[in-house]
Amino acid sequence: MISREILKTAIDTIDDTQLEILHHIILAFSKPIPHTVNHSLSENINPLKDSIVFENDIISPIDLLWKAEQ
């Protein structure tokens, strides 16, 4: 595990853009992790279900007979 002193030294050597990104990462990790499941999202796991009707061979060209062995 990295020591605080090594981490502080590494932070002192990065530029302002990287420091801003690091700050956002630290803020994201400092937020509490929610323990509830959003049920509205879990209901939409398969939003395309039942939106397509399969009839006969789905890879055949429309209005043409097609034989796979040819």
Protein backbone atom coordinates (compact mmCIF):
# COMPACT_ATOMS: atom_id res chain seq x y z
CA MET A 1 0.00 0.00 0.00
CA ILE A 2 1.23 3.49 -0.81
CA SER A 3 2.11 5.78 2.09
CA ARG A 4 0.55 9.20 2.52
CA GLU A 5 3.91 10.89 2.05
CA ILE A 6 4.53 9.17 -1.30
CA LEU A 7 1.00 10.08 -2.39
CA LYS A 8 1.50 13.71 -1.34
CA THR A 9 4.76 13.86 -3.31
CA ALA A 10 3.05 12.37 -6.37
CA ILE A 11 0.22 14.91 -6.12
CA ASP A 12 2.74 17.76 -5.93
CA THR A 13 4.30 16.69 -9.24
CA ILE A 14 1.13 16.57 -11.41
CA ASP A 15 -0.18 19.48 -13.47
CA ASP A 16 -3.39 21.42 -12.75
CA THR A 17 -5.51 19.48 -15.27
CA GLN A 18 -4.61 16.13 -13.72
CA LEU A 19 -5.11 17.63 -10.25
CA GLU A 20 -8.66 18.68 -11.19
CA ILE A 21 -9.41 15.17 -12.47
CA LEU A 22 -7.97 13.65 -9.30
CA HIS A 23 -10.17 15.95 -7.23
CA HIS A 24 -13.29 14.74 -9.06
CA ILE A 25 -12.25 11.12 -8.54
CA ILE A 26 -11.76 11.71 -4.81
CA LEU A 27 -15.17 13.38 -4.56
CA ALA A 28 -16.81 10.46 -6.37
CA PHE A 29 -15.24 7.92 -4.03
CA SER A 30 -16.16 9.92 -0.94
CA LYS A 31 -19.90 9.74 -1.69
CA PRO A 32 -21.81 7.00 0.15
CA ILE A 33 -22.74 3.93 -1.85
CA PRO A 34 -26.53 3.52 -2.09
CA HIS A 35 -27.80 0.22 -0.72
CA THR A 36 -31.17 0.28 -2.48
CA VAL A 37 -31.97 -1.02 -5.93
CA ASN A 38 -33.78 1.30 -8.30
CA HIS A 39 -36.71 -0.89 -9.34
CA SER A 40 -37.72 1.31 -12.25
CA LEU A 41 -34.36 0.64 -13.90
CA SER A 42 -34.46 -3.08 -13.18
CA GLU A 43 -37.85 -3.35 -14.91
CA ASN A 44 -36.30 -2.00 -18.13
CA ILE A 45 -33.50 -4.54 -18.37
CA ASN A 46 -34.85 -5.75 -21.72
CA PRO A 47 -36.71 -2.77 -23.21
CA LEU A 48 -36.92 -4.38 -26.69
CA LYS A 49 -38.60 -7.54 -25.44
CA ASP A 50 -41.71 -8.36 -27.52
CA SER A 51 -40.99 -5.48 -29.92
CA ILE A 52 -40.04 -7.79 -32.83
CA VAL A 53 -42.20 -10.47 -34.41
CA PHE A 54 -40.28 -13.45 -35.75
CA GLU A 55 -41.88 -15.21 -38.68
CA ASN A 56 -40.37 -18.18 -40.46
CA ASP A 57 -36.66 -17.84 -41.26
CA ILE A 58 -35.47 -14.44 -40.06
CA ILE A 59 -32.37 -14.43 -42.29
CA SER A 60 -34.17 -15.11 -45.56
CA PRO A 61 -34.66 -12.25 -48.02
CA ILE A 62 -38.18 -10.86 -48.08
CA ASP A 63 -40.47 -12.35 -50.77
CA LEU A 64 -37.79 -14.79 -52.00
CA LEU A 65 -37.34 -18.48 -51.36
CA TRP A 66 -33.86 -19.18 -50.09
CA LYS A 67 -32.14 -22.52 -49.71
CA ALA A 68 -29.16 -22.68 -47.39
CA GLU A 69 -27.62 -25.70 -49.16
CA GLN A 70 -27.10 -23.87 -52.49
